[in-house]
Amino acid sequence: MLESSIGSRIAAHRRRRGLSQVVVAGLVGRSESWLSQVEQGLWDVESYPVLCDLARVLRVDLDVLTGVPAAVKAGSDGGTSKQVASIERALLFGAELPRTRPPATVSGDVADEVGQLGLLVL
């Protein structure tokens, strides 16, 4: 499908699935008016989580909606996609990244100096 904008791709996939603007908008927590404006190209989808929700509701990959190929396909890299997903969650939702190695240690002298400044040392 060679649609020119995200909005027109959203509209095409919504119609292909036989869904109304009211239904799709409701499933992503937006108004029918908002979706109509996006589909007409008057507004952009300003939120990555909303774009992900639209892809999920329309049952298409995110790169199909954006027109930009995904950098990493899930399961094709032996673990990188899990790391990318962790980073994505942290950036979008404030989740803590898993530690892949132990935290750096601070020598006693530095810890004492930081302690004297009243700063927290982990």
N, C-alpha and C. Protein backbone atom coordinates (compact mmCIF):
# COMPACT_ATOMS: atom_id res chain seq x y z
N MET A 1 0.85 -1.18 0.00
CA MET A 1 0.00 0.00 0.00
C MET A 1 0.89 1.24 0.00
N LEU A 2 0.72 2.13 -0.97
CA LEU A 2 1.59 3.28 -1.11
C LEU A 2 0.84 4.57 -0.82
N GLU A 3 0.34 4.71 0.37
CA GLU A 3 -0.34 5.93 0.78
C GLU A 3 0.71 6.96 1.16
N SER A 4 0.40 8.23 1.05
CA SER A 4 1.43 9.25 1.26
C SER A 4 1.58 9.70 2.71
N SER A 5 0.54 9.66 3.49
CA SER A 5 0.65 10.15 4.86
C SER A 5 0.20 9.10 5.86
N ILE A 6 0.62 9.30 7.10
CA ILE A 6 0.18 8.38 8.16
C ILE A 6 -1.34 8.39 8.25
N GLY A 7 -1.93 9.56 8.18
CA GLY A 7 -3.39 9.67 8.27
C GLY A 7 -4.11 8.89 7.20
N SER A 8 -3.62 8.98 5.96
CA SER A 8 -4.28 8.24 4.88
C SER A 8 -4.06 6.74 5.02
N ARG A 9 -2.90 6.34 5.58
CA ARG A 9 -2.68 4.90 5.82
C ARG A 9 -3.59 4.40 6.94
N ILE A 10 -3.77 5.23 7.98
CA ILE A 10 -4.69 4.86 9.06
C ILE A 10 -6.10 4.67 8.49
N ALA A 11 -6.54 5.63 7.68
CA ALA A 11 -7.88 5.55 7.09
C ALA A 11 -8.04 4.31 6.23
N ALA A 12 -7.05 4.01 5.42
CA ALA A 12 -7.13 2.85 4.53
C ALA A 12 -7.21 1.55 5.33
N HIS A 13 -6.39 1.43 6.36
CA HIS A 13 -6.41 0.21 7.17
C HIS A 13 -7.66 0.11 8.02
N ARG A 14 -8.17 1.25 8.46
CA ARG A 14 -9.43 1.24 9.22
C ARG A 14 -10.57 0.75 8.33
N ARG A 15 -10.63 1.26 7.11
CA ARG A 15 -11.68 0.82 6.18
C ARG A 15 -11.52 -0.66 5.82
N ARG A 16 -10.28 -1.07 5.60
CA ARG A 16 -10.00 -2.47 5.26
C ARG A 16 -10.52 -3.40 6.36
N ARG A 17 -10.40 -2.96 7.62
CA ARG A 17 -10.88 -3.77 8.76
C ARG A 17 -12.38 -3.61 8.97
N GLY A 18 -13.00 -2.68 8.25
CA GLY A 18 -14.44 -2.48 8.40
C GLY A 18 -14.82 -1.77 9.69
N LEU A 19 -13.92 -0.93 10.21
CA LEU A 19 -14.16 -0.23 11.47
C LEU A 19 -14.52 1.22 11.22
N SER A 20 -15.39 1.74 12.05
CA SER A 20 -15.77 3.16 11.95
C SER A 20 -14.75 4.02 12.69
N GLN A 21 -14.77 5.30 12.38
CA GLN A 21 -13.90 6.24 13.10
C GLN A 21 -14.24 6.25 14.58
N VAL A 22 -15.52 6.15 14.91
CA VAL A 22 -15.96 6.15 16.31
C VAL A 22 -15.32 4.99 17.06
N VAL A 23 -15.36 3.81 16.46
CA VAL A 23 -14.84 2.62 17.12
C VAL A 23 -13.32 2.73 17.30
N VAL A 24 -12.59 3.04 16.24
CA VAL A 24 -11.13 3.12 16.33
C VAL A 24 -10.71 4.20 17.31
N ALA A 25 -11.33 5.36 17.22
CA ALA A 25 -10.99 6.45 18.13
C ALA A 25 -11.23 6.04 19.58
N GLY A 26 -12.34 5.38 19.83
CA GLY A 26 -12.64 4.93 21.19
C GLY A 26 -11.63 3.92 21.69
N LEU A 27 -11.19 3.02 20.82
CA LEU A 27 -10.23 2.00 21.23
C LEU A 27 -8.84 2.55 21.55
N VAL A 28 -8.54 3.73 21.01
CA VAL A 28 -7.24 4.35 21.31
C VAL A 28 -7.39 5.54 22.26
N GLY A 29 -8.60 5.74 22.79
CA GLY A 29 -8.81 6.79 23.79
C GLY A 29 -8.83 8.20 23.23
N ARG A 30 -9.27 8.34 22.00
CA ARG A 30 -9.36 9.65 21.37
C ARG A 30 -10.78 9.88 20.86
N SER A 31 -11.05 11.08 20.41
CA SER A 31 -12.39 11.39 19.89
C SER A 31 -12.48 11.08 18.40
N GLU A 32 -13.70 10.92 17.94
CA GLU A 32 -13.93 10.72 16.50
C GLU A 32 -13.40 11.92 15.72
N SER A 33 -13.60 13.10 16.26
CA SER A 33 -13.13 14.32 15.60
C SER A 33 -11.61 14.30 15.43
N TRP A 34 -10.91 13.88 16.48
CA TRP A 34 -9.44 13.79 16.41
C TRP A 34 -9.02 12.85 15.29
N LEU A 35 -9.62 11.65 15.24
CA LEU A 35 -9.25 10.68 14.22
C LEU A 35 -9.56 11.20 12.83
N SER A 36 -10.69 11.85 12.69
CA SER A 36 -11.06 12.43 11.40
C SER A 36 -10.02 13.45 10.95
N GLN A 37 -9.59 14.31 11.87
CA GLN A 37 -8.57 15.33 11.54
C GLN A 37 -7.25 14.67 11.15
N VAL A 38 -6.87 13.59 11.87
CA VAL A 38 -5.63 12.87 11.55
C VAL A 38 -5.73 12.25 10.16
N GLU A 39 -6.84 11.58 9.89
CA GLU A 39 -7.01 10.92 8.60
C GLU A 39 -7.00 11.91 7.45
N GLN A 40 -7.48 13.12 7.69
CA GLN A 40 -7.49 14.15 6.65
C GLN A 40 -6.13 14.85 6.52
N GLY A 41 -5.22 14.54 7.42
CA GLY A 41 -3.91 15.16 7.36
C GLY A 41 -3.84 16.54 8.00
N LEU A 42 -4.90 16.91 8.74
CA LEU A 42 -4.92 18.21 9.39
C LEU A 42 -4.16 18.21 10.71
N TRP A 43 -4.12 17.05 11.37
CA TRP A 43 -3.37 16.89 12.62
C TRP A 43 -2.43 15.71 12.47
N ASP A 44 -1.34 15.75 13.21
CA ASP A 44 -0.41 14.63 13.26
C ASP A 44 -0.70 13.79 14.49
N VAL A 45 -0.29 12.54 14.44
CA VAL A 45 -0.34 11.70 15.63
C VAL A 45 0.90 12.07 16.42
N GLU A 46 0.71 12.84 17.49
CA GLU A 46 1.83 13.42 18.22
C GLU A 46 2.39 12.50 19.31
N SER A 47 1.75 11.38 19.52
CA SER A 47 2.13 10.51 20.62
C SER A 47 2.50 9.11 20.11
N TYR A 48 3.71 8.68 20.44
CA TYR A 48 4.16 7.35 20.04
C TYR A 48 3.26 6.25 20.62
N PRO A 49 2.89 6.32 21.90
CA PRO A 49 1.98 5.29 22.41
C PRO A 49 0.64 5.23 21.67
N VAL A 50 0.12 6.38 21.26
CA VAL A 50 -1.14 6.38 20.51
C VAL A 50 -0.93 5.75 19.14
N LEU A 51 0.19 6.05 18.51
CA LEU A 51 0.50 5.44 17.22
C LEU A 51 0.60 3.92 17.36
N CYS A 52 1.23 3.47 18.43
CA CYS A 52 1.32 2.02 18.71
C CYS A 52 -0.07 1.43 18.93
N ASP A 53 -0.92 2.15 19.65
CA ASP A 53 -2.29 1.69 19.87
C ASP A 53 -3.06 1.58 18.55
N LEU A 54 -2.88 2.57 17.68
CA LEU A 54 -3.54 2.52 16.38
C LEU A 54 -3.09 1.30 15.58
N ALA A 55 -1.79 1.04 15.58
CA ALA A 55 -1.27 -0.13 14.86
C ALA A 55 -1.86 -1.42 15.43
N ARG A 56 -1.95 -1.49 16.75
CA ARG A 56 -2.51 -2.67 17.40
C ARG A 56 -3.98 -2.85 17.03
N VAL A 57 -4.76 -1.78 17.12
CA VAL A 57 -6.19 -1.85 16.82
C VAL A 57 -6.42 -2.21 15.34
N LEU A 58 -5.59 -1.66 14.47
CA LEU A 58 -5.74 -1.91 13.03
C LEU A 58 -5.06 -3.21 12.59
N ARG A 59 -4.35 -3.84 13.54
CA ARG A 59 -3.65 -5.11 13.29
C ARG A 59 -2.65 -5.00 12.15
N VAL A 60 -1.82 -3.95 12.24
CA VAL A 60 -0.73 -3.77 11.28
C VAL A 60 0.53 -3.45 12.07
N ASP A 61 1.67 -3.71 11.47
CA ASP A 61 2.93 -3.33 12.10
C ASP A 61 3.05 -1.81 12.09
N LEU A 62 3.75 -1.31 13.08
CA LEU A 62 3.94 0.14 13.20
C LEU A 62 4.58 0.72 11.94
N ASP A 63 5.54 0.01 11.37
CA ASP A 63 6.20 0.54 10.17
C ASP A 63 5.25 0.64 8.98
N VAL A 64 4.17 -0.13 8.99
CA VAL A 64 3.17 -0.03 7.93
C VAL A 64 2.45 1.31 8.03
N LEU A 65 2.15 1.73 9.26
CA LEU A 65 1.48 3.02 9.45
C LEU A 65 2.40 4.20 9.20
N THR A 66 3.63 4.09 9.69
CA THR A 66 4.55 5.23 9.57
C THR A 66 5.20 5.33 8.20
N GLY A 67 5.28 4.19 7.50
CA GLY A 67 5.97 4.19 6.21
C GLY A 67 7.47 4.13 6.36
N VAL A 68 7.94 3.93 7.61
CA VAL A 68 9.37 3.85 7.89
C VAL A 68 9.67 2.43 8.36
N PRO A 69 10.59 1.74 7.67
CA PRO A 69 10.90 0.36 8.08
C PRO A 69 11.43 0.31 9.51
N ALA A 70 11.01 -0.71 10.24
CA ALA A 70 11.50 -0.89 11.61
C ALA A 70 12.98 -1.25 11.56
N ALA A 71 13.74 -0.71 12.48
CA ALA A 71 15.18 -0.96 12.52
C ALA A 71 15.47 -2.39 12.96
N VAL A 72 14.68 -2.91 13.89
CA VAL A 72 14.92 -4.25 14.42
C VAL A 72 13.60 -5.00 14.42
N LYS A 73 13.56 -6.11 13.74
CA LYS A 73 12.36 -6.95 13.74
C LYS A 73 12.43 -7.90 14.93
N ALA A 74 11.34 -8.07 15.64
CA ALA A 74 11.30 -8.93 16.81
C ALA A 74 11.69 -10.35 16.45
N GLY A 75 12.55 -10.93 17.29
CA GLY A 75 12.90 -12.32 17.14
C GLY A 75 13.95 -12.61 16.09
N SER A 76 14.43 -11.64 15.35
CA SER A 76 15.37 -11.91 14.27
C SER A 76 16.81 -11.70 14.68
N ASP A 77 17.04 -11.31 15.92
CA ASP A 77 18.38 -10.88 16.29
C ASP A 77 18.96 -11.57 17.52
N GLY A 78 18.31 -12.57 18.02
CA GLY A 78 18.85 -13.29 19.16
C GLY A 78 18.89 -12.49 20.44
N GLY A 79 17.95 -11.59 20.66
CA GLY A 79 17.88 -10.90 21.94
C GLY A 79 17.89 -9.39 21.85
N THR A 80 18.36 -8.82 20.75
CA THR A 80 18.42 -7.37 20.65
C THR A 80 17.03 -6.74 20.77
N SER A 81 16.02 -7.39 20.22
CA SER A 81 14.68 -6.82 20.27
C SER A 81 14.19 -6.69 21.70
N LYS A 82 14.61 -7.59 22.60
CA LYS A 82 14.23 -7.48 24.01
C LYS A 82 14.89 -6.25 24.63
N GLN A 83 16.13 -6.01 24.26
CA GLN A 83 16.83 -4.83 24.77
C GLN A 83 16.19 -3.56 24.24
N VAL A 84 15.85 -3.56 22.96
CA VAL A 84 15.19 -2.40 22.37
C VAL A 84 13.85 -2.16 23.05
N ALA A 85 13.10 -3.22 23.31
CA ALA A 85 11.81 -3.08 23.98
C ALA A 85 11.97 -2.51 25.38
N SER A 86 13.01 -2.92 26.10
CA SER A 86 13.26 -2.39 27.44
C SER A 86 13.58 -0.90 27.38
N ILE A 87 14.40 -0.52 26.43
CA ILE A 87 14.76 0.90 26.27
C ILE A 87 13.53 1.70 25.90
N GLU A 88 12.73 1.16 24.98
CA GLU A 88 11.51 1.84 24.56
C GLU A 88 10.57 2.06 25.74
N ARG A 89 10.37 1.02 26.56
CA ARG A 89 9.51 1.16 27.75
C ARG A 89 10.05 2.22 28.69
N ALA A 90 11.36 2.23 28.89
CA ALA A 90 11.95 3.21 29.80
C ALA A 90 11.74 4.63 29.29
N LEU A 91 11.94 4.83 28.00
CA LEU A 91 11.79 6.17 27.44
C LEU A 91 10.34 6.63 27.43
N LEU A 92 9.44 5.70 27.15
CA LEU A 92 8.03 6.08 27.03
C LEU A 92 7.28 6.11 28.35
N PHE A 93 7.60 5.19 29.24
CA PHE A 93 6.79 5.04 30.43
C PHE A 93 7.57 5.18 31.72
N GLY A 94 8.86 5.49 31.65
CA GLY A 94 9.65 5.69 32.85
C GLY A 94 10.02 4.40 33.55
N ALA A 95 9.94 3.27 32.86
CA ALA A 95 10.32 2.00 33.47
C ALA A 95 11.83 1.96 33.68
N GLU A 96 12.24 1.25 34.70
CA GLU A 96 13.68 1.12 34.97
C GLU A 96 14.28 0.10 34.03
N LEU A 97 15.42 0.45 33.45
CA LEU A 97 16.12 -0.47 32.58
C LEU A 97 16.74 -1.58 33.39
N PRO A 98 16.71 -2.81 32.87
CA PRO A 98 17.38 -3.90 33.59
C PRO A 98 18.88 -3.70 33.55
N ARG A 99 19.53 -4.04 34.64
CA ARG A 99 20.99 -3.90 34.68
C ARG A 99 21.62 -5.10 33.98
N THR A 100 22.55 -4.82 33.09
CA THR A 100 23.23 -5.90 32.40
C THR A 100 24.57 -6.20 33.04
N ARG A 101 25.00 -5.33 33.93
CA ARG A 101 26.23 -5.56 34.69
C ARG A 101 26.08 -4.87 36.04
N PRO A 102 26.89 -5.27 37.01
CA PRO A 102 26.75 -4.65 38.33
C PRO A 102 27.09 -3.17 38.28
N PRO A 103 26.48 -2.37 39.16
CA PRO A 103 26.79 -0.95 39.17
C PRO A 103 28.25 -0.72 39.55
N ALA A 104 28.79 0.38 39.06
CA ALA A 104 30.17 0.72 39.37
C ALA A 104 30.31 0.99 40.86
N THR A 105 31.45 0.61 41.42
CA THR A 105 31.69 0.87 42.83
C THR A 105 32.43 2.19 42.97
N VAL A 106 32.26 2.80 44.12
CA VAL A 106 32.89 4.07 44.40
C VAL A 106 33.92 3.84 45.51
N SER A 107 35.12 4.34 45.29
CA SER A 107 36.16 4.14 46.31
C SER A 107 35.78 4.86 47.59
N GLY A 108 36.35 4.41 48.69
CA GLY A 108 36.04 4.97 50.00
C GLY A 108 36.28 6.47 50.08
N ASP A 109 37.39 6.96 49.50
CA ASP A 109 37.70 8.39 49.54
C ASP A 109 36.64 9.22 48.84
N VAL A 110 36.25 8.77 47.66
CA VAL A 110 35.23 9.50 46.90
C VAL A 110 33.90 9.44 47.65
N ALA A 111 33.56 8.27 48.19
CA ALA A 111 32.31 8.14 48.93
C ALA A 111 32.29 9.07 50.13
N ASP A 112 33.42 9.20 50.84
CA ASP A 112 33.49 10.11 51.98
C ASP A 112 33.28 11.55 51.54
N GLU A 113 33.93 11.95 50.43
CA GLU A 113 33.80 13.33 49.94
C GLU A 113 32.37 13.62 49.52
N VAL A 114 31.76 12.68 48.84
CA VAL A 114 30.36 12.87 48.41
C VAL A 114 29.47 12.93 49.63
N GLY A 115 29.73 12.08 50.62
CA GLY A 115 28.96 12.08 51.85
C GLY A 115 29.05 13.41 52.57
N GLN A 116 30.22 14.02 52.54
CA GLN A 116 30.40 15.32 53.18
C GLN A 116 29.59 16.40 52.47
N LEU A 117 29.36 16.20 51.17
CA LEU A 117 28.57 17.17 50.43
C LEU A 117 27.06 16.96 50.64
N GLY A 118 26.71 15.87 51.32
CA GLY A 118 25.30 15.58 51.59
C GLY A 118 24.59 14.94 50.42
N LEU A 119 25.34 14.32 49.50
CA LEU A 119 24.74 13.66 48.36
C LEU A 119 24.59 12.18 48.62
N LEU A 120 23.62 11.58 47.97
CA LEU A 120 23.34 10.16 48.14
C LEU A 120 24.29 9.35 47.26
N VAL A 121 24.89 8.32 47.83
CA VAL A 121 25.75 7.43 47.07
C VAL A 121 25.06 6.08 47.02
N LEU A 122 24.87 5.58 45.82
CA LEU A 122 24.22 4.26 45.67
C LEU A 122 25.28 3.18 45.65
